[in-house]
N, C-alpha and C. Protein backbone atom coordinates (compact mmCIF):
# COMPACT_ATOMS: atom_id res chain seq x y z
N MET A 1 190.49 45.74 127.23
CA MET A 1 189.06 45.40 127.44
C MET A 1 188.55 45.41 125.96
N PRO A 2 188.10 44.37 125.20
CA PRO A 2 187.74 44.41 123.96
C PRO A 2 186.48 45.61 123.81
N GLN A 3 186.43 46.17 122.49
CA GLN A 3 185.45 47.20 122.27
C GLN A 3 184.00 46.84 122.65
N LYS A 4 183.77 45.65 122.14
CA LYS A 4 182.34 44.87 122.28
C LYS A 4 181.93 45.08 123.67
N ARG A 5 183.02 44.99 124.62
CA ARG A 5 182.55 44.93 126.15
C ARG A 5 182.38 46.18 126.69
N HIS A 6 182.91 47.14 126.13
CA HIS A 6 182.74 48.61 126.41
C HIS A 6 181.37 49.13 126.06
N GLN A 7 180.96 48.35 124.85
CA GLN A 7 179.41 48.89 124.31
C GLN A 7 178.49 48.02 125.02
N TYR A 8 178.82 47.08 125.46
CA TYR A 8 177.88 46.23 126.42
C TYR A 8 177.59 47.07 127.52
N PHE A 9 178.57 47.60 128.31
CA PHE A 9 178.47 48.45 129.55
C PHE A 9 177.64 49.75 129.21
N MET A 10 178.06 50.33 128.15
CA MET A 10 177.53 51.68 127.76
C MET A 10 175.96 51.16 127.28
N ASP A 11 175.60 50.15 126.93
CA ASP A 11 174.22 49.89 126.51
C ASP A 11 173.42 49.79 127.75
N HIS A 12 174.09 49.24 128.80
CA HIS A 12 173.27 49.43 130.06
C HIS A 12 173.17 50.32 130.78
N ALA A 13 174.16 51.29 130.59
CA ALA A 13 174.13 52.99 130.97
C ALA A 13 172.86 53.41 130.26
N VAL A 14 172.71 53.11 129.15
CA VAL A 14 171.74 54.06 128.36
C VAL A 14 170.54 53.33 128.67
N LEU A 15 170.25 51.96 128.88
CA LEU A 15 169.12 51.42 129.56
C LEU A 15 168.60 51.93 130.72
N THR A 16 169.59 52.19 131.57
CA THR A 16 169.31 52.74 132.98
C THR A 16 168.79 53.99 132.78
N SER A 17 169.46 54.82 131.85
CA SER A 17 168.83 56.11 131.65
C SER A 17 167.53 56.31 131.49
N SER A 18 166.89 55.33 130.81
CA SER A 18 165.23 55.17 130.34
C SER A 18 164.46 55.42 131.79
N ALA A 19 165.02 55.33 132.84
CA ALA A 19 164.17 55.08 134.03
C ALA A 19 164.08 56.60 134.62
N SER A 20 164.89 57.52 134.06
CA SER A 20 164.71 58.98 134.48
C SER A 20 163.71 59.64 133.88
N LYS A 21 163.27 60.47 134.74
CA LYS A 21 162.11 61.32 134.05
C LYS A 21 162.43 62.67 133.60
N CYS A 22 163.54 63.10 133.63
CA CYS A 22 164.02 64.39 133.19
C CYS A 22 163.45 64.84 131.66
N THR A 23 163.00 65.94 131.54
CA THR A 23 162.65 66.32 130.23
C THR A 23 163.79 66.93 129.38
N TYR A 24 164.95 67.13 129.86
CA TYR A 24 165.95 67.69 128.98
C TYR A 24 167.04 66.51 128.72
N PHE A 25 167.54 65.74 129.80
CA PHE A 25 168.54 64.62 129.69
C PHE A 25 168.34 63.68 130.47
N GLN A 26 167.93 62.30 130.00
CA GLN A 26 167.94 60.99 130.75
C GLN A 26 169.42 60.62 130.76
N VAL A 27 170.00 60.62 131.98
CA VAL A 27 171.26 59.94 132.12
C VAL A 27 171.46 58.79 132.95
N GLY A 28 171.94 57.95 132.61
CA GLY A 28 172.42 56.54 133.30
C GLY A 28 173.92 56.48 133.51
N ALA A 29 174.33 55.95 134.49
CA ALA A 29 175.57 55.28 134.73
C ALA A 29 175.62 54.12 135.59
N VAL A 30 176.65 53.26 135.05
CA VAL A 30 176.71 52.08 135.54
C VAL A 30 178.58 51.99 135.98
N ILE A 31 178.55 51.49 137.31
CA ILE A 31 179.91 51.24 137.63
C ILE A 31 180.24 49.85 137.60
N VAL A 32 181.46 49.67 136.90
CA VAL A 32 181.90 48.15 136.64
C VAL A 32 183.31 48.03 137.21
N LYS A 33 183.17 46.94 137.92
CA LYS A 33 184.78 46.23 138.48
C LYS A 33 184.81 45.14 138.23
N ASP A 34 186.07 44.62 137.83
CA ASP A 34 186.35 43.09 137.69
C ASP A 34 185.49 42.65 136.69
N ASP A 35 185.15 43.45 135.45
CA ASP A 35 184.20 43.14 134.55
C ASP A 35 182.68 42.77 135.00
N ARG A 36 182.15 43.09 135.93
CA ARG A 36 180.99 43.15 136.40
C ARG A 36 180.42 44.31 136.75
N ILE A 37 178.97 44.70 136.64
CA ILE A 37 178.30 46.05 137.04
C ILE A 37 178.09 45.70 138.47
N ILE A 38 178.64 46.64 139.34
CA ILE A 38 178.37 46.67 141.00
C ILE A 38 177.44 47.69 141.38
N SER A 39 177.14 48.59 140.65
CA SER A 39 175.90 49.54 140.90
C SER A 39 175.69 50.34 139.84
N HIS A 40 174.66 51.13 139.69
CA HIS A 40 173.94 51.75 138.53
C HIS A 40 173.22 52.71 139.17
N GLY A 41 172.73 53.88 138.54
CA GLY A 41 171.97 55.02 138.88
C GLY A 41 171.45 55.82 137.60
N TYR A 42 170.45 56.64 137.92
CA TYR A 42 170.07 57.33 136.93
C TYR A 42 169.59 58.97 137.59
N ASN A 43 169.72 60.14 136.62
CA ASN A 43 169.31 61.11 137.44
C ASN A 43 167.84 61.43 137.64
N GLY A 44 167.68 62.08 138.86
CA GLY A 44 166.28 62.28 139.29
C GLY A 44 166.28 62.92 140.85
N THR A 45 165.05 63.22 141.30
CA THR A 45 165.04 63.65 142.48
C THR A 45 165.13 62.61 143.39
N PRO A 46 165.55 62.87 144.63
CA PRO A 46 165.67 61.52 145.79
C PRO A 46 164.16 60.95 145.97
N SER A 47 164.40 59.71 146.29
CA SER A 47 162.92 58.93 146.35
C SER A 47 162.14 59.51 147.51
N GLY A 48 160.76 59.76 147.14
CA GLY A 48 159.88 60.24 147.92
C GLY A 48 159.84 61.91 147.95
N PHE A 49 160.80 62.37 147.03
CA PHE A 49 160.67 63.97 146.88
C PHE A 49 159.93 64.20 145.92
N PRO A 50 158.70 65.09 146.36
CA PRO A 50 157.79 65.56 145.50
C PRO A 50 157.85 66.37 144.21
N GLU A 51 159.13 67.07 144.19
CA GLU A 51 159.12 67.77 142.92
C GLU A 51 160.15 67.05 141.94
N ASP A 52 159.50 66.88 140.71
CA ASP A 52 160.56 66.07 139.83
C ASP A 52 160.41 66.91 138.54
N CYS A 53 161.29 66.94 137.66
CA CYS A 53 161.52 67.79 136.47
C CYS A 53 160.14 67.93 135.56
N PRO A 54 159.35 66.55 135.31
CA PRO A 54 158.20 67.08 134.39
C PRO A 54 157.17 67.62 134.97
N ASP A 55 157.02 67.76 136.29
CA ASP A 55 156.23 68.45 137.04
C ASP A 55 156.28 69.97 136.74
N HIS A 56 157.81 70.37 136.37
CA HIS A 56 157.89 71.89 136.17
C HIS A 56 158.30 72.17 134.67
N PHE A 57 158.77 71.24 133.77
CA PHE A 57 159.37 71.59 132.66
C PHE A 57 158.89 70.77 131.61
N CYS A 58 158.67 71.29 130.19
CA CYS A 58 158.16 70.28 129.33
C CYS A 58 159.24 70.04 128.21
N GLY A 59 160.55 70.38 128.50
CA GLY A 59 161.52 70.30 127.42
C GLY A 59 161.61 71.33 126.44
N ASP A 60 161.03 72.28 126.70
CA ASP A 60 161.32 73.68 125.72
C ASP A 60 162.73 74.22 126.03
N PRO A 61 163.43 74.42 124.71
CA PRO A 61 164.65 74.89 124.91
C PRO A 61 164.75 76.23 125.69
N LYS A 62 163.67 77.12 125.61
CA LYS A 62 163.67 78.39 126.23
C LYS A 62 163.81 78.30 127.54
N GLU A 63 163.53 76.95 128.31
CA GLU A 63 163.47 76.81 129.65
C GLU A 63 164.48 76.24 130.13
N ARG A 64 165.65 76.02 129.26
CA ARG A 64 166.84 75.25 129.62
C ARG A 64 167.65 75.66 130.80
N GLU A 65 167.95 77.08 130.82
CA GLU A 65 168.67 77.75 131.91
C GLU A 65 167.54 77.55 133.26
N ALA A 66 166.50 77.90 133.16
CA ALA A 66 165.72 77.68 134.48
C ALA A 66 165.77 76.25 134.67
N HIS A 67 165.76 75.19 134.00
CA HIS A 67 165.76 73.83 134.14
C HIS A 67 167.10 73.57 134.97
N HIS A 68 168.09 74.15 134.58
CA HIS A 68 169.67 73.77 134.74
C HIS A 68 169.76 74.37 136.42
N LEU A 69 169.11 75.50 136.73
CA LEU A 69 168.94 75.76 138.19
C LEU A 69 168.15 74.97 138.79
N PHE A 70 167.07 74.60 138.43
CA PHE A 70 166.13 73.51 139.30
C PHE A 70 166.99 72.19 139.54
N SER A 71 167.68 71.82 138.65
CA SER A 71 168.49 70.49 138.65
C SER A 71 169.50 70.61 139.59
N GLU A 72 170.03 72.05 139.58
CA GLU A 72 171.21 72.05 140.61
C GLU A 72 170.80 71.94 142.07
N ASN A 73 169.69 72.23 142.27
CA ASN A 73 168.97 72.40 143.48
C ASN A 73 168.00 71.13 144.19
N THR A 74 167.60 70.14 142.87
CA THR A 74 166.86 69.08 143.31
C THR A 74 167.21 67.75 142.84
N THR A 75 167.90 67.73 141.80
CA THR A 75 168.61 66.65 141.01
C THR A 75 169.63 66.01 141.73
N ILE A 76 169.81 64.75 141.70
CA ILE A 76 170.98 63.84 142.03
C ILE A 76 171.15 63.22 140.56
N HIS A 77 172.54 63.60 140.41
CA HIS A 77 172.96 63.05 138.93
C HIS A 77 173.18 61.50 139.08
N ALA A 78 173.28 60.98 137.81
CA ALA A 78 173.19 59.47 137.68
C ALA A 78 174.38 58.98 138.26
N GLU A 79 175.58 59.79 138.28
CA GLU A 79 176.78 59.26 138.82
C GLU A 79 176.83 59.22 139.99
N MET A 80 176.45 60.16 140.90
CA MET A 80 176.22 60.30 142.20
C MET A 80 175.26 59.14 142.57
N ASN A 81 173.94 58.95 142.04
CA ASN A 81 172.98 58.06 142.38
C ASN A 81 173.95 56.78 142.62
N ALA A 82 174.71 56.14 141.60
CA ALA A 82 175.26 55.07 141.36
C ALA A 82 176.48 54.94 142.74
N LEU A 83 176.93 55.95 142.86
CA LEU A 83 178.08 56.02 144.14
C LEU A 83 177.37 55.89 145.16
N LEU A 84 176.33 56.74 145.65
CA LEU A 84 175.59 56.67 146.59
C LEU A 84 174.90 55.25 146.87
N TRP A 85 174.49 54.67 145.98
CA TRP A 85 173.79 53.22 146.28
C TRP A 85 174.81 52.21 146.67
N ALA A 86 176.16 52.18 145.81
CA ALA A 86 177.26 51.48 146.35
C ALA A 86 177.65 51.84 147.76
N ALA A 87 177.60 52.92 148.13
CA ALA A 87 178.08 53.40 149.49
C ALA A 87 176.91 52.74 150.39
N ARG A 88 175.63 53.02 150.00
CA ARG A 88 174.62 52.43 150.91
C ARG A 88 174.62 50.96 151.27
N THR A 89 174.95 50.37 150.16
CA THR A 89 174.95 48.79 150.03
C THR A 89 176.69 48.11 150.55
N GLY A 90 177.35 49.14 150.77
CA GLY A 90 178.41 48.39 151.28
C GLY A 90 179.50 47.92 149.92
N ILE A 91 179.05 48.42 148.91
CA ILE A 91 180.07 47.94 147.77
C ILE A 91 181.36 48.99 147.71
N ALA A 92 182.27 48.38 147.35
CA ALA A 92 183.51 49.21 147.30
C ALA A 92 183.68 49.40 145.69
N VAL A 93 183.82 50.80 145.55
CA VAL A 93 184.05 51.33 143.97
C VAL A 93 185.66 51.60 143.66
N ASP A 94 186.56 51.56 144.56
CA ASP A 94 187.72 51.87 144.35
C ASP A 94 188.54 51.02 143.18
N GLY A 95 189.05 51.71 142.22
CA GLY A 95 189.54 51.22 141.22
C GLY A 95 188.68 50.75 140.06
N ALA A 96 187.46 51.11 140.29
CA ALA A 96 186.22 50.82 139.26
C ALA A 96 186.27 51.71 138.12
N THR A 97 185.29 51.45 137.10
CA THR A 97 185.35 52.29 135.75
C THR A 97 183.70 52.49 135.70
N VAL A 98 183.58 53.89 135.28
CA VAL A 98 181.87 54.50 135.17
C VAL A 98 181.85 54.59 133.92
N TYR A 99 180.63 54.08 133.42
CA TYR A 99 179.96 54.16 131.98
C TYR A 99 178.94 55.19 132.00
N VAL A 100 178.95 56.12 131.42
CA VAL A 100 177.29 57.17 131.49
C VAL A 100 177.36 57.62 130.03
N ASN A 101 176.03 57.75 129.77
CA ASN A 101 175.60 57.93 128.33
C ASN A 101 175.78 59.65 127.99
N LEU A 102 176.09 60.39 129.19
CA LEU A 102 176.25 61.83 128.99
C LEU A 102 177.67 62.06 129.86
N GLN A 103 178.38 62.94 129.40
CA GLN A 103 179.77 63.44 129.83
C GLN A 103 179.48 64.00 131.34
N PRO A 104 180.08 63.60 132.39
CA PRO A 104 179.85 64.00 133.51
C PRO A 104 180.17 65.63 133.97
N CYS A 105 179.32 66.17 134.73
CA CYS A 105 179.79 67.62 135.27
C CYS A 105 180.85 67.54 136.11
N HIS A 106 181.34 68.74 136.20
CA HIS A 106 182.54 68.67 137.16
C HIS A 106 182.35 68.26 138.60
N ASN A 107 181.11 68.61 139.12
CA ASN A 107 180.92 68.09 140.57
C ASN A 107 180.89 66.65 140.49
N CYS A 108 180.30 65.96 139.71
CA CYS A 108 180.34 64.30 139.55
C CYS A 108 181.90 64.01 139.36
N ILE A 109 182.48 64.59 138.52
CA ILE A 109 183.71 63.91 138.51
C ILE A 109 184.83 64.27 139.92
N LYS A 110 184.40 65.00 140.45
CA LYS A 110 184.96 65.48 141.63
C LYS A 110 184.75 64.44 142.67
N ALA A 111 183.51 63.93 142.69
CA ALA A 111 182.97 62.96 143.43
C ALA A 111 183.67 61.49 143.20
N LEU A 112 183.80 61.32 141.84
CA LEU A 112 184.19 60.03 141.30
C LEU A 112 185.59 59.97 141.49
N VAL A 113 186.43 61.08 141.43
CA VAL A 113 187.72 60.81 141.79
C VAL A 113 187.74 60.55 143.26
N ALA A 114 187.06 61.46 144.06
CA ALA A 114 187.29 60.89 145.61
C ALA A 114 186.74 59.56 146.17
N ALA A 115 185.91 59.12 145.09
CA ALA A 115 185.71 57.66 145.61
C ALA A 115 186.57 56.68 145.08
N GLY A 116 187.44 57.04 144.24
CA GLY A 116 188.58 56.01 143.71
C GLY A 116 188.13 55.56 142.45
N ILE A 117 187.45 56.11 141.70
CA ILE A 117 186.94 55.59 140.31
C ILE A 117 188.38 55.82 139.54
N LYS A 118 188.67 55.05 138.62
CA LYS A 118 189.96 55.28 137.94
C LYS A 118 189.56 55.70 136.41
N LYS A 119 188.57 55.31 135.81
CA LYS A 119 188.17 55.72 134.44
C LYS A 119 186.62 56.16 134.40
N ILE A 120 186.41 57.04 133.53
CA ILE A 120 185.01 57.54 133.11
C ILE A 120 184.99 57.16 131.75
N ILE A 121 184.22 56.59 131.11
CA ILE A 121 183.64 56.42 129.69
C ILE A 121 182.54 56.89 129.42
N TYR A 122 182.20 57.98 128.62
CA TYR A 122 181.13 58.40 128.23
C TYR A 122 180.66 58.48 126.88
N LYS A 123 179.30 58.52 126.54
CA LYS A 123 178.82 58.30 125.14
C LYS A 123 178.82 59.64 124.55
N ASP A 124 178.01 60.58 124.99
CA ASP A 124 177.82 62.01 124.52
C ASP A 124 178.66 63.05 125.40
N SER A 125 178.86 64.06 124.62
CA SER A 125 179.49 65.09 125.28
C SER A 125 178.46 66.18 125.91
N TYR A 126 178.55 66.83 126.76
CA TYR A 126 177.73 67.72 127.22
C TYR A 126 178.03 68.99 127.07
N ASP A 127 177.18 69.76 126.80
CA ASP A 127 177.66 71.26 126.37
C ASP A 127 177.97 72.34 127.47
N LYS A 128 177.61 71.94 128.76
CA LYS A 128 177.84 72.68 129.66
C LYS A 128 179.12 72.06 130.52
N SER A 129 180.02 71.37 129.94
CA SER A 129 181.08 70.68 130.38
C SER A 129 181.97 71.89 131.04
N ASN A 130 182.75 71.61 131.91
CA ASN A 130 183.55 72.53 132.49
C ASN A 130 185.06 72.25 131.92
N PRO A 131 185.60 73.14 131.26
CA PRO A 131 186.96 72.99 130.44
C PRO A 131 187.97 72.45 131.59
N TYR A 132 187.92 72.87 132.60
CA TYR A 132 188.93 72.28 133.56
C TYR A 132 188.65 70.82 133.97
N SER A 133 187.73 70.03 133.77
CA SER A 133 187.55 68.66 134.02
C SER A 133 188.51 67.80 133.53
N LYS A 134 189.00 67.95 132.16
CA LYS A 134 190.05 67.07 131.63
C LYS A 134 191.40 67.25 132.61
N GLU A 135 191.79 68.37 132.76
CA GLU A 135 192.96 68.64 133.40
C GLU A 135 193.02 68.36 134.83
N PHE A 136 191.93 68.32 135.60
CA PHE A 136 191.40 67.96 136.78
C PHE A 136 191.57 66.29 136.78
N CYS A 137 191.01 65.52 136.03
CA CYS A 137 191.14 64.26 135.60
C CYS A 137 192.54 63.80 135.44
N GLU A 138 193.17 64.63 134.80
CA GLU A 138 194.76 64.15 134.53
C GLU A 138 195.44 64.23 135.88
N LYS A 139 195.36 65.36 136.44
CA LYS A 139 196.06 65.46 137.86
C LYS A 139 195.52 64.31 138.65
N ALA A 140 194.40 63.92 139.06
CA ALA A 140 194.02 63.04 139.91
C ALA A 140 194.22 61.42 139.18
N GLY A 141 194.83 61.47 138.10
CA GLY A 141 195.20 59.92 137.48
C GLY A 141 193.90 59.23 137.13
N LEU A 142 192.88 60.12 136.70
CA LEU A 142 191.60 59.45 136.35
C LEU A 142 191.46 59.78 134.86
N ILE A 143 191.14 58.47 134.02
CA ILE A 143 190.87 58.71 132.71
C ILE A 143 189.67 59.05 132.24
N LEU A 144 189.24 59.98 131.64
CA LEU A 144 188.26 60.66 130.95
C LEU A 144 188.15 60.43 129.47
N VAL A 145 187.46 59.42 128.94
CA VAL A 145 187.34 59.42 127.58
C VAL A 145 186.09 59.04 127.03
N SER A 146 185.63 59.46 126.02
CA SER A 146 184.45 59.26 125.25
C SER A 146 184.68 57.55 124.52
N LEU A 147 183.48 56.94 124.41
CA LEU A 147 183.22 55.52 123.78
C LEU A 147 183.95 55.64 122.36
N ASP A 148 183.53 57.01 121.56
CA ASP A 148 184.17 57.22 120.22
C ASP A 148 185.69 57.23 120.14
N GLN A 149 186.27 57.75 121.27
CA GLN A 149 187.87 57.86 121.42
C GLN A 149 188.14 56.48 121.53
N LEU A 150 187.60 55.86 122.45
CA LEU A 150 188.13 54.20 122.44
C LEU A 150 187.81 53.50 121.06
N GLU A 151 186.70 53.79 120.43
CA GLU A 151 186.56 53.10 119.08
C GLU A 151 187.57 53.24 118.23
N ALA A 152 188.30 54.60 118.32
CA ALA A 152 189.22 54.95 117.17
C ALA A 152 190.53 54.42 117.55
N LYS A 153 190.98 53.87 118.73
CA LYS A 153 192.23 53.26 119.11
C LYS A 153 192.31 51.86 118.30
């Protein structure tokens, strides 16, 4: 796929991330199959859930660990929201590519592997990424690559 097309889909992931209310990381993901966006999602609490990140955190770096724990308990990540929307609406994601503006956490990578995603392209590295994720992806036959790495080729 031409680099310009990868950038196009990443731009959609970045635009989708703007719907997130998170005070630390606004993350967007788009699932692409046959050169079309088939689902998208952003990070946040489930619809109708009263607790949201800005109700508790202002983005202060000193609160980052507390925010991380809060997020683990309440937030659905962008990749999961995109997968869940596809499942809810009957869209098959097997063989698709996910574009996400922040490197996925290991739990999201496991879910993407289980869903049959074949490639993850991310924009920015995540400082809490699991060092095992790359090896896990290799074992699963899933390509995990940054947009910068694609541009370098």
